[in-house]
N, C-alpha and C. Protein backbone atom coordinates (compact mmCIF):
# COMPACT_ATOMS: atom_id res chain seq x y z
N MET A 1 48.40 120.46 104.55
CA MET A 1 47.40 120.77 103.54
C MET A 1 46.59 121.97 104.02
N TYR A 2 46.18 122.74 103.05
CA TYR A 2 45.37 123.91 103.34
C TYR A 2 43.90 123.55 103.26
N HIS A 3 43.10 124.36 103.91
CA HIS A 3 41.65 124.21 103.79
C HIS A 3 41.28 124.47 102.33
N PRO A 4 40.29 123.76 101.77
CA PRO A 4 39.95 123.93 100.35
C PRO A 4 39.65 125.37 99.94
N ASN A 5 39.19 126.19 100.87
CA ASN A 5 38.85 127.57 100.53
C ASN A 5 40.03 128.53 100.68
N SER A 6 41.20 128.03 101.04
CA SER A 6 42.34 128.93 101.27
C SER A 6 43.35 128.91 100.14
N GLY A 7 43.09 128.16 99.07
CA GLY A 7 44.03 128.08 97.96
C GLY A 7 43.97 129.31 97.08
N ILE A 8 44.93 129.45 96.22
CA ILE A 8 44.99 130.54 95.26
C ILE A 8 44.24 130.12 94.01
N ASN A 9 43.50 131.03 93.40
CA ASN A 9 42.79 130.70 92.16
C ASN A 9 43.77 130.15 91.15
N GLY A 10 43.37 129.07 90.49
CA GLY A 10 44.23 128.42 89.52
C GLY A 10 45.09 127.32 90.13
N THR A 11 44.99 127.11 91.45
CA THR A 11 45.72 126.03 92.11
C THR A 11 45.14 124.70 91.64
N VAL A 12 45.99 123.84 91.12
CA VAL A 12 45.54 122.55 90.59
C VAL A 12 45.93 121.46 91.58
N LEU A 13 44.99 120.57 91.88
CA LEU A 13 45.26 119.43 92.74
C LEU A 13 45.38 118.21 91.85
N VAL A 14 46.53 117.57 91.89
CA VAL A 14 46.82 116.42 91.02
C VAL A 14 47.33 115.29 91.89
N LEU A 15 46.84 114.09 91.63
CA LEU A 15 47.35 112.90 92.28
C LEU A 15 48.31 112.25 91.30
N GLY A 16 49.54 112.04 91.70
CA GLY A 16 50.51 111.48 90.77
C GLY A 16 51.40 110.47 91.45
N GLY A 17 52.14 109.79 90.66
CA GLY A 17 53.06 108.80 91.21
C GLY A 17 53.98 108.30 90.14
N THR A 18 54.82 107.41 90.52
CA THR A 18 55.72 106.77 89.59
C THR A 18 55.91 105.33 90.05
N LYS A 19 56.18 104.43 89.14
CA LYS A 19 56.31 103.01 89.48
C LYS A 19 57.74 102.71 89.90
N PHE A 20 58.01 102.76 91.20
CA PHE A 20 59.36 102.51 91.70
C PHE A 20 59.64 101.02 91.88
N LYS A 21 58.60 100.22 92.02
CA LYS A 21 58.73 98.78 92.25
C LYS A 21 59.73 98.49 93.37
N GLU A 22 60.87 97.86 93.05
CA GLU A 22 61.81 97.47 94.11
C GLU A 22 62.48 98.67 94.77
N LYS A 23 62.32 99.87 94.20
CA LYS A 23 62.89 101.08 94.79
C LYS A 23 61.91 101.80 95.72
N THR A 24 60.70 101.24 95.92
CA THR A 24 59.65 101.94 96.66
C THR A 24 60.07 102.28 98.08
N LEU A 25 60.60 101.33 98.81
CA LEU A 25 61.02 101.61 100.19
C LEU A 25 62.13 102.65 100.21
N ASP A 26 63.08 102.54 99.31
CA ASP A 26 64.16 103.50 99.23
C ASP A 26 63.61 104.91 98.99
N GLN A 27 62.66 105.04 98.06
CA GLN A 27 62.09 106.36 97.76
C GLN A 27 61.31 106.90 98.96
N PHE A 28 60.53 106.04 99.61
CA PHE A 28 59.78 106.48 100.79
C PHE A 28 60.73 107.00 101.85
N LEU A 29 61.78 106.27 102.12
CA LEU A 29 62.73 106.68 103.15
C LEU A 29 63.45 107.97 102.77
N ARG A 30 63.75 108.16 101.47
CA ARG A 30 64.38 109.41 101.03
C ARG A 30 63.44 110.60 101.24
N PHE A 31 62.14 110.41 100.92
CA PHE A 31 61.18 111.48 101.17
C PHE A 31 61.06 111.76 102.67
N LEU A 32 61.04 110.70 103.46
CA LEU A 32 60.95 110.86 104.91
C LEU A 32 62.15 111.63 105.45
N VAL A 33 63.35 111.23 105.02
CA VAL A 33 64.57 111.91 105.48
C VAL A 33 64.56 113.37 105.03
N ALA A 34 64.11 113.61 103.80
CA ALA A 34 64.06 115.00 103.30
C ALA A 34 63.10 115.82 104.16
N HIS A 35 61.98 115.24 104.54
CA HIS A 35 61.02 115.94 105.39
C HIS A 35 61.61 116.19 106.77
N LEU A 36 62.24 115.16 107.34
CA LEU A 36 62.84 115.30 108.66
C LEU A 36 64.01 116.27 108.64
N HIS A 37 64.57 116.47 107.45
CA HIS A 37 65.70 117.39 107.31
C HIS A 37 65.36 118.79 107.83
N PHE A 38 64.10 119.19 107.72
CA PHE A 38 63.68 120.50 108.23
C PHE A 38 63.79 120.56 109.75
N PHE A 39 63.70 119.40 110.39
CA PHE A 39 63.76 119.36 111.85
C PHE A 39 65.15 119.06 112.37
N TRP A 40 66.00 118.51 111.54
CA TRP A 40 67.36 118.16 111.94
C TRP A 40 68.35 118.88 111.02
N PRO A 41 68.60 120.15 111.25
CA PRO A 41 69.41 120.93 110.30
C PRO A 41 70.86 120.49 110.20
N HIS A 42 71.35 119.63 111.06
CA HIS A 42 72.76 119.24 111.01
C HIS A 42 73.00 117.92 110.28
N ILE A 43 71.92 117.30 109.77
CA ILE A 43 72.08 116.04 109.03
C ILE A 43 72.27 116.38 107.56
N THR A 44 73.26 115.77 106.93
CA THR A 44 73.50 116.06 105.53
C THR A 44 72.38 115.51 104.66
N HIS A 45 72.13 116.16 103.55
CA HIS A 45 71.06 115.76 102.64
C HIS A 45 71.45 114.48 101.91
N PRO A 46 70.54 113.49 101.82
CA PRO A 46 70.89 112.22 101.22
C PRO A 46 70.97 112.21 99.69
N GLY A 47 70.44 113.24 99.04
CA GLY A 47 70.39 113.21 97.58
C GLY A 47 69.18 112.43 97.11
N PHE A 48 68.91 112.46 95.82
CA PHE A 48 67.72 111.81 95.29
C PHE A 48 68.03 111.09 93.99
N ASP A 49 67.47 109.91 93.84
CA ASP A 49 67.46 109.21 92.56
C ASP A 49 65.98 109.03 92.23
N MET A 50 65.39 109.99 91.51
CA MET A 50 63.96 109.98 91.25
C MET A 50 63.60 109.25 89.96
N SER A 51 64.57 108.59 89.35
CA SER A 51 64.24 107.86 88.14
C SER A 51 63.44 106.62 88.49
N PRO A 52 62.40 106.31 87.70
CA PRO A 52 61.61 105.12 87.99
C PRO A 52 62.43 103.85 87.79
N SER A 53 61.95 102.78 88.32
CA SER A 53 62.62 101.50 88.20
C SER A 53 62.74 101.09 86.74
N ASP A 54 63.88 100.52 86.38
CA ASP A 54 64.06 100.00 85.02
C ASP A 54 63.16 98.81 84.75
N ASN A 55 62.71 98.15 85.83
CA ASN A 55 61.88 96.96 85.69
C ASN A 55 60.39 97.27 85.66
N ALA A 56 59.99 98.56 85.83
CA ALA A 56 58.58 98.92 85.82
C ALA A 56 58.04 98.74 84.41
N THR A 57 56.84 98.23 84.32
CA THR A 57 56.22 98.03 83.00
C THR A 57 55.15 99.09 82.78
N GLY A 58 54.83 99.35 81.52
CA GLY A 58 53.83 100.36 81.20
C GLY A 58 54.38 101.75 81.43
N GLU A 59 53.48 102.70 81.69
CA GLU A 59 53.91 104.07 81.93
C GLU A 59 54.70 104.12 83.22
N LYS A 60 55.86 104.77 83.19
CA LYS A 60 56.68 104.84 84.39
C LYS A 60 56.33 106.04 85.26
N VAL A 61 55.70 107.05 84.69
CA VAL A 61 55.23 108.21 85.45
C VAL A 61 53.76 108.38 85.11
N PHE A 62 52.95 108.59 86.12
CA PHE A 62 51.53 108.70 85.88
C PHE A 62 50.93 109.74 86.82
N GLY A 63 49.78 110.23 86.49
CA GLY A 63 49.10 111.20 87.32
C GLY A 63 47.63 111.25 86.97
N THR A 64 46.83 111.75 87.90
CA THR A 64 45.40 111.88 87.70
C THR A 64 44.96 113.27 88.14
N PHE A 65 44.33 114.00 87.25
CA PHE A 65 43.82 115.32 87.58
C PHE A 65 42.65 115.15 88.53
N LEU A 66 42.67 115.86 89.66
CA LEU A 66 41.58 115.76 90.62
C LEU A 66 40.65 116.96 90.55
N THR A 67 41.19 118.17 90.70
CA THR A 67 40.35 119.36 90.69
C THR A 67 41.23 120.60 90.57
N VAL A 68 40.61 121.74 90.46
CA VAL A 68 41.32 123.02 90.42
C VAL A 68 40.49 124.03 91.20
N LYS A 69 41.15 124.89 91.95
CA LYS A 69 40.44 125.97 92.66
C LYS A 69 40.31 127.14 91.71
N THR A 70 39.09 127.61 91.51
CA THR A 70 38.87 128.70 90.56
C THR A 70 38.36 129.97 91.21
N GLY A 71 37.67 129.88 92.33
CA GLY A 71 37.08 131.07 92.94
C GLY A 71 35.79 131.50 92.24
N GLU A 72 35.45 130.78 91.20
CA GLU A 72 34.23 131.07 90.44
C GLU A 72 33.03 130.52 91.19
N THR A 73 31.94 131.32 91.26
CA THR A 73 30.75 130.88 91.99
C THR A 73 29.67 130.31 91.07
N ASP A 74 29.71 130.66 89.80
CA ASP A 74 28.73 130.15 88.84
C ASP A 74 29.09 128.69 88.50
N PRO A 75 28.20 127.72 88.79
CA PRO A 75 28.51 126.31 88.55
C PRO A 75 28.87 125.99 87.09
N GLN A 76 28.23 126.66 86.14
CA GLN A 76 28.54 126.39 84.74
C GLN A 76 29.95 126.87 84.39
N LYS A 77 30.31 128.06 84.89
CA LYS A 77 31.66 128.58 84.64
C LYS A 77 32.71 127.74 85.37
N GLN A 78 32.35 127.25 86.58
CA GLN A 78 33.25 126.35 87.31
C GLN A 78 33.57 125.13 86.48
N LYS A 79 32.54 124.53 85.89
CA LYS A 79 32.73 123.32 85.07
C LYS A 79 33.60 123.62 83.86
N ILE A 80 33.36 124.76 83.21
CA ILE A 80 34.17 125.14 82.04
C ILE A 80 35.63 125.30 82.43
N LEU A 81 35.90 126.02 83.53
CA LEU A 81 37.28 126.21 83.98
C LEU A 81 37.92 124.88 84.38
N HIS A 82 37.16 124.04 85.10
CA HIS A 82 37.66 122.73 85.51
C HIS A 82 38.07 121.92 84.28
N ASP A 83 37.20 121.91 83.28
CA ASP A 83 37.48 121.14 82.06
C ASP A 83 38.70 121.70 81.31
N GLU A 84 38.85 123.04 81.31
CA GLU A 84 40.00 123.65 80.65
C GLU A 84 41.31 123.24 81.33
N TYR A 85 41.34 123.31 82.68
CA TYR A 85 42.54 122.92 83.41
C TYR A 85 42.84 121.43 83.25
N LYS A 86 41.77 120.62 83.26
CA LYS A 86 41.97 119.18 83.09
C LYS A 86 42.59 118.89 81.72
N LYS A 87 42.08 119.56 80.68
CA LYS A 87 42.61 119.37 79.34
C LYS A 87 44.08 119.79 79.27
N LYS A 88 44.40 120.95 79.88
CA LYS A 88 45.79 121.42 79.90
C LYS A 88 46.69 120.40 80.61
N PHE A 89 46.20 119.84 81.72
CA PHE A 89 46.97 118.84 82.46
C PHE A 89 47.23 117.62 81.59
N GLN A 90 46.19 117.15 80.92
CA GLN A 90 46.32 115.95 80.09
C GLN A 90 47.26 116.18 78.91
N GLU A 91 47.34 117.41 78.43
CA GLU A 91 48.23 117.74 77.33
C GLU A 91 49.63 118.12 77.80
N GLY A 92 49.82 118.16 79.14
CA GLY A 92 51.13 118.52 79.68
C GLY A 92 51.44 120.00 79.52
N LYS A 93 50.42 120.84 79.50
CA LYS A 93 50.61 122.27 79.24
C LYS A 93 50.31 123.14 80.44
N LEU A 94 50.24 122.58 81.65
CA LEU A 94 50.05 123.40 82.84
C LEU A 94 51.36 124.11 83.16
N ASP A 95 51.28 125.39 83.45
CA ASP A 95 52.49 126.15 83.80
C ASP A 95 52.79 126.03 85.27
């Protein structure tokens, strides 16, 4: 992670997840292996099944907007930009 002041303007921080249920351990291990892959270049890539569990109830993919780096120093303009990015995130329109 970068220091909060080192991001690029417009960088959005989002907390997200998906309901893997019985696939949770499998997904964790796949992410772990993918990360370790950078350190072990001779291990073949395991592939990914990122589809949520068929048994998950409710929304299968979810996320929460946390903040956005704007570089703006005026608190009122910061709030306006924050609200604009949050709205775009909620509408699924972030590029």
